[in-house]
């Protein structure tokens, strides 16, 4: 039998409990064997004291790095959310200064571009019937087609179907829009549906996994402002 086979057979006969008991009973021998401690990644620092050394320090540094990275990511998200909320509140105050339907549409579009870096934002109302200057006119049933019969919001990439390509929502800027956020508005005109639409030039500017609270908040402000002026018939 060769030496390797003898070593394997001897190892198989070892019982860890017995080895552990022997090490506990002969601890001074282990502490005095510096070569063994070095191979195990441990370093003696004094009588009856063993420092974990490089191995433990490395694990600690890795844990600290993971914690620091996670904390930085959370802080970045928190700062971005705070900035978006602040800009949304400022935009809402600006909308509240509107003096007409047309002024309201202009202010919404300007805020979307200046404060959120979007291609634009529009207010759209279904026909038949008059549509205020600066708003978008939609065919009857268009809101339900875009959002679904019971849908309140929709966030995601710009629709690829032919009807979307010909949609009047973003007019001449439609080719720049890669993702959209659509929010249904309460029907203040009987039998005519309306929505607010926000367009981004980034494919992931609006995604289904995002929350739509901020665009919904702005849309609710638009709803309240519209009620200040005569109802369209």
Protein backbone atom coordinates (compact mmCIF):
# COMPACT_ATOMS: atom_id res chain seq x y z
CA UNK A 1 0.00 0.00 0.00
CA UNK A 2 1.46 3.39 -1.01
CA UNK A 3 1.82 6.37 1.33
CA UNK A 4 -1.22 8.23 -0.11
CA UNK A 5 -3.51 5.25 0.44
CA UNK A 6 -2.20 4.82 4.00
CA UNK A 7 -2.89 8.52 4.72
CA UNK A 8 -6.44 8.26 3.33
CA UNK A 9 -7.14 5.13 5.38
CA UNK A 10 -5.79 6.81 8.50
CA UNK A 11 -7.94 9.91 7.85
CA UNK A 12 -11.04 7.77 7.51
CA UNK A 13 -10.35 6.25 10.90
CA UNK A 14 -10.17 9.68 12.54
CA UNK A 15 -13.13 10.77 14.59
CA UNK A 16 -13.60 14.53 14.75
CA UNK A 17 -14.90 14.44 18.31
CA UNK A 18 -11.75 12.61 19.39
CA UNK A 19 -9.55 15.10 17.48
CA UNK A 20 -11.40 18.02 19.07
CA UNK A 21 -11.05 16.54 22.54
CA UNK A 22 -7.33 15.99 21.96
CA UNK A 23 -6.83 19.59 20.77
CA UNK A 24 -8.62 20.94 23.83
CA UNK A 25 -6.52 18.77 26.10
CA UNK A 26 -3.27 19.86 24.39
CA UNK A 27 -4.05 23.53 23.62
CA UNK A 28 -0.54 24.74 24.62
CA UNK A 29 1.01 22.48 21.98
CA UNK A 30 -1.18 24.08 19.32
CA UNK A 31 -0.37 27.63 20.46
CA UNK A 32 3.34 26.90 20.35
CA UNK A 33 3.21 25.49 16.83
CA UNK A 34 3.54 28.75 14.86
CA UNK A 35 3.90 27.00 11.52
CA UNK A 36 0.58 25.20 12.01
CA UNK A 37 -1.15 28.41 13.06
CA UNK A 38 0.18 30.22 9.99
CA UNK A 39 -1.15 27.47 7.71
CA UNK A 40 -4.56 27.81 9.37
CA UNK A 41 -4.54 31.60 8.81
CA UNK A 42 -4.20 32.35 12.54
CA UNK A 43 -1.60 34.39 14.35
CA UNK A 44 -0.53 34.02 18.00
CA UNK A 45 -0.32 37.33 19.90
CA UNK A 46 0.43 36.16 23.39
CA UNK A 47 -0.04 33.38 25.87
CA UNK A 48 -3.47 31.77 25.48
CA UNK A 49 -4.47 34.41 22.90
CA UNK A 50 -4.91 33.75 19.19
CA UNK A 51 -5.80 36.56 16.76
CA UNK A 52 -7.99 35.60 13.84
CA UNK A 53 -5.68 37.57 11.57
CA UNK A 54 -6.01 37.92 7.84
CA UNK A 55 -8.88 35.51 7.34
CA UNK A 56 -11.20 37.22 9.83
CA UNK A 57 -10.11 40.68 8.76
CA UNK A 58 -10.83 39.88 5.14
CA UNK A 59 -14.30 38.62 6.00
CA UNK A 60 -14.96 41.72 8.09
CA UNK A 61 -13.80 44.04 5.29
CA UNK A 62 -16.02 42.24 2.78
CA UNK A 63 -19.03 42.54 5.07
CA UNK A 64 -18.34 46.25 5.61
CA UNK A 65 -18.00 46.81 1.88
CA UNK A 66 -21.33 45.07 1.20
CA UNK A 67 -23.03 47.11 3.91
CA UNK A 68 -21.54 50.37 2.64
CA UNK A 69 -22.60 49.59 -0.93
CA UNK A 70 -26.15 48.79 0.12
CA UNK A 71 -26.33 51.94 2.24
CA UNK A 72 -25.08 54.10 -0.65
CA UNK A 73 -27.67 52.58 -3.00
CA UNK A 74 -30.47 53.26 -0.51
CA UNK A 75 -29.26 56.83 0.00
CA UNK A 76 -29.14 57.46 -3.76
CA UNK A 77 -32.69 56.18 -4.20
CA UNK A 78 -33.88 58.28 -1.26
CA UNK A 79 -32.25 61.42 -2.66
CA UNK A 80 -33.75 60.80 -6.10
CA UNK A 81 -37.21 60.24 -4.61
CA UNK A 82 -36.94 63.38 -2.50
CA UNK A 83 -35.85 65.45 -5.50
CA UNK A 84 -38.72 64.08 -7.62
CA UNK A 85 -41.25 64.81 -4.88
CA UNK A 86 -39.93 68.34 -4.48
CA UNK A 87 -40.14 69.00 -8.20
CA UNK A 88 -43.66 67.56 -8.28
CA UNK A 89 -44.82 69.87 -5.50
CA UNK A 90 -43.28 72.90 -7.24
CA UNK A 91 -44.96 71.87 -10.51
CA UNK A 92 -48.30 71.56 -8.69
CA UNK A 93 -47.97 75.10 -7.35
CA UNK A 94 -47.23 76.31 -10.86
CA UNK A 95 -50.33 74.56 -12.22
CA UNK A 96 -52.44 76.24 -9.58
CA UNK A 97 -51.47 79.62 -11.08
CA UNK A 98 -53.16 78.77 -14.40
CA UNK A 99 -55.83 81.17 -15.64
CA UNK A 100 -57.49 79.12 -18.37
CA UNK A 101 -57.70 75.70 -20.00
CA UNK A 102 -55.01 76.66 -22.49
CA UNK A 103 -52.73 78.14 -19.82
CA UNK A 104 -53.10 74.97 -17.78
CA UNK A 105 -51.99 72.79 -20.72
CA UNK A 106 -49.05 75.08 -21.42
CA UNK A 107 -47.90 75.02 -17.78
CA UNK A 108 -48.19 71.23 -17.55
CA UNK A 109 -46.08 70.76 -20.68
CA UNK A 110 -43.48 73.32 -19.56
CA UNK A 111 -43.15 71.74 -16.10
CA UNK A 112 -42.75 68.26 -17.59
CA UNK A 113 -39.88 69.45 -19.76
CA UNK A 114 -38.11 71.83 -17.36
CA UNK A 115 -38.53 69.99 -14.07
CA UNK A 116 -38.52 66.33 -15.12
CA UNK A 117 -36.59 66.33 -18.39
CA UNK A 118 -39.49 64.81 -20.33
CA UNK A 119 -40.35 65.28 -23.99
CA UNK A 120 -43.63 66.79 -22.86
CA UNK A 121 -47.00 66.33 -21.19
CA UNK A 122 -50.48 66.87 -22.60
CA UNK A 123 -54.13 66.93 -21.60
CA UNK A 124 -56.32 64.94 -23.98
CA UNK A 125 -60.12 64.90 -24.29
CA UNK A 126 -62.29 62.60 -26.38
CA UNK A 127 -64.59 63.85 -29.11
CA UNK A 128 -67.28 64.63 -30.15
CA UNK A 129 -67.40 68.18 -28.86
CA UNK A 130 -65.07 71.15 -28.58
CA UNK A 131 -61.53 70.74 -27.24
CA UNK A 132 -59.68 73.68 -25.62
CA UNK A 133 -56.76 75.20 -27.48
CA UNK A 134 -53.52 73.44 -26.52
CA UNK A 135 -55.27 70.18 -25.59
CA UNK A 136 -55.24 67.01 -27.71
CA UNK A 137 -58.41 65.70 -29.31
CA UNK A 138 -58.95 61.94 -29.15
CA UNK A 139 -61.40 59.75 -30.98
CA UNK A 140 -64.31 58.43 -28.95
CA UNK A 141 -63.21 55.29 -27.07
CA UNK A 142 -59.48 56.11 -27.33
CA UNK A 143 -58.96 56.43 -23.56
CA UNK A 144 -60.38 52.96 -22.90
CA UNK A 145 -58.31 51.57 -25.77
CA UNK A 146 -55.08 52.96 -24.34
CA UNK A 147 -55.75 52.25 -20.65
CA UNK A 148 -58.26 49.43 -20.76
CA UNK A 149 -61.92 49.78 -19.75
CA UNK A 150 -61.08 49.86 -16.04
CA UNK A 151 -57.47 51.07 -16.20
CA UNK A 152 -56.47 54.16 -14.25
CA UNK A 153 -52.78 54.41 -15.13
CA UNK A 154 -50.36 52.86 -17.61
CA UNK A 155 -46.56 53.14 -17.52
CA UNK A 156 -44.26 51.54 -20.05
CA UNK A 157 -42.76 51.72 -23.54
CA UNK A 158 -44.54 53.63 -26.26
CA UNK A 159 -47.04 51.37 -27.96
CA UNK A 160 -45.82 49.74 -31.14
CA UNK A 161 -49.13 49.23 -32.90
CA UNK A 162 -50.16 51.34 -35.88
CA UNK A 163 -52.85 53.21 -33.95
CA UNK A 164 -50.29 54.44 -31.44
CA UNK A 165 -47.96 55.61 -34.20
CA UNK A 166 -50.79 57.75 -35.53
CA UNK A 167 -51.93 58.93 -32.11
CA UNK A 168 -52.19 62.72 -31.75
CA UNK A 169 -51.09 62.69 -28.11
CA UNK A 170 -47.61 64.15 -28.60
CA UNK A 171 -48.03 65.68 -32.05
CA UNK A 172 -44.78 66.56 -33.81
CA UNK A 173 -42.79 65.24 -30.80
CA UNK A 174 -44.19 61.71 -31.07
CA UNK A 175 -41.03 60.37 -32.75
CA UNK A 176 -38.99 61.38 -29.67
CA UNK A 177 -41.20 59.50 -27.21
CA UNK A 178 -39.87 56.09 -26.13
CA UNK A 179 -41.92 55.51 -22.98
CA UNK A 180 -45.12 56.99 -21.60
CA UNK A 181 -47.20 57.44 -18.46
CA UNK A 182 -50.94 57.72 -19.02
CA UNK A 183 -53.38 58.70 -16.26
CA UNK A 184 -57.17 58.63 -16.62
CA UNK A 185 -58.91 61.75 -15.35
CA UNK A 186 -62.37 61.94 -13.80
CA UNK A 187 -65.02 62.70 -16.44
CA UNK A 188 -66.13 66.25 -15.64
CA UNK A 189 -67.91 66.34 -19.02
CA UNK A 190 -70.68 63.71 -19.34
CA UNK A 191 -69.88 60.86 -21.76
CA UNK A 192 -66.41 62.27 -22.63
CA UNK A 193 -63.29 60.67 -21.22
CA UNK A 194 -59.96 62.43 -20.72
CA UNK A 195 -56.39 61.64 -19.69
CA UNK A 196 -53.02 63.19 -18.92
CA UNK A 197 -50.07 61.83 -20.90
CA UNK A 198 -46.38 62.19 -20.07
CA UNK A 199 -43.73 61.24 -22.64
CA UNK A 200 -40.07 60.38 -22.01
CA UNK A 201 -37.25 60.07 -24.54
CA UNK A 202 -35.75 57.23 -22.46
CA UNK A 203 -36.99 53.66 -23.10
CA UNK A 204 -36.92 53.06 -19.35
CA UNK A 205 -38.14 56.53 -18.38
CA UNK A 206 -41.48 54.99 -17.45
CA UNK A 207 -41.74 51.29 -16.61
CA UNK A 208 -44.52 49.06 -15.35
CA UNK A 209 -42.48 48.28 -12.23
CA UNK A 210 -42.40 51.93 -11.23
CA UNK A 211 -44.96 53.60 -9.02
CA UNK A 212 -47.22 56.10 -10.74
CA UNK A 213 -47.98 58.18 -7.66
CA UNK A 214 -46.25 61.38 -8.79
CA UNK A 215 -47.80 61.55 -12.28
CA UNK A 216 -51.15 60.61 -10.76
CA UNK A 217 -50.77 63.45 -8.23
CA UNK A 218 -50.12 65.98 -11.01
CA UNK A 219 -53.12 64.64 -12.93
CA UNK A 220 -55.35 65.09 -9.88
CA UNK A 221 -54.16 68.70 -9.63
CA UNK A 222 -55.06 69.18 -13.31
CA UNK A 223 -58.52 67.75 -12.61
CA UNK A 224 -59.16 70.22 -9.81
CA UNK A 225 -57.92 73.14 -11.88
CA UNK A 226 -60.21 72.28 -14.81
CA UNK A 227 -63.21 72.50 -12.49
CA UNK A 228 -62.53 76.23 -12.01
CA UNK A 229 -63.73 77.08 -15.50
CA UNK A 230 -66.99 76.44 -17.33
CA UNK A 231 -67.71 72.83 -18.19
CA UNK A 232 -67.26 71.96 -21.86
CA UNK A 233 -70.42 70.74 -23.60
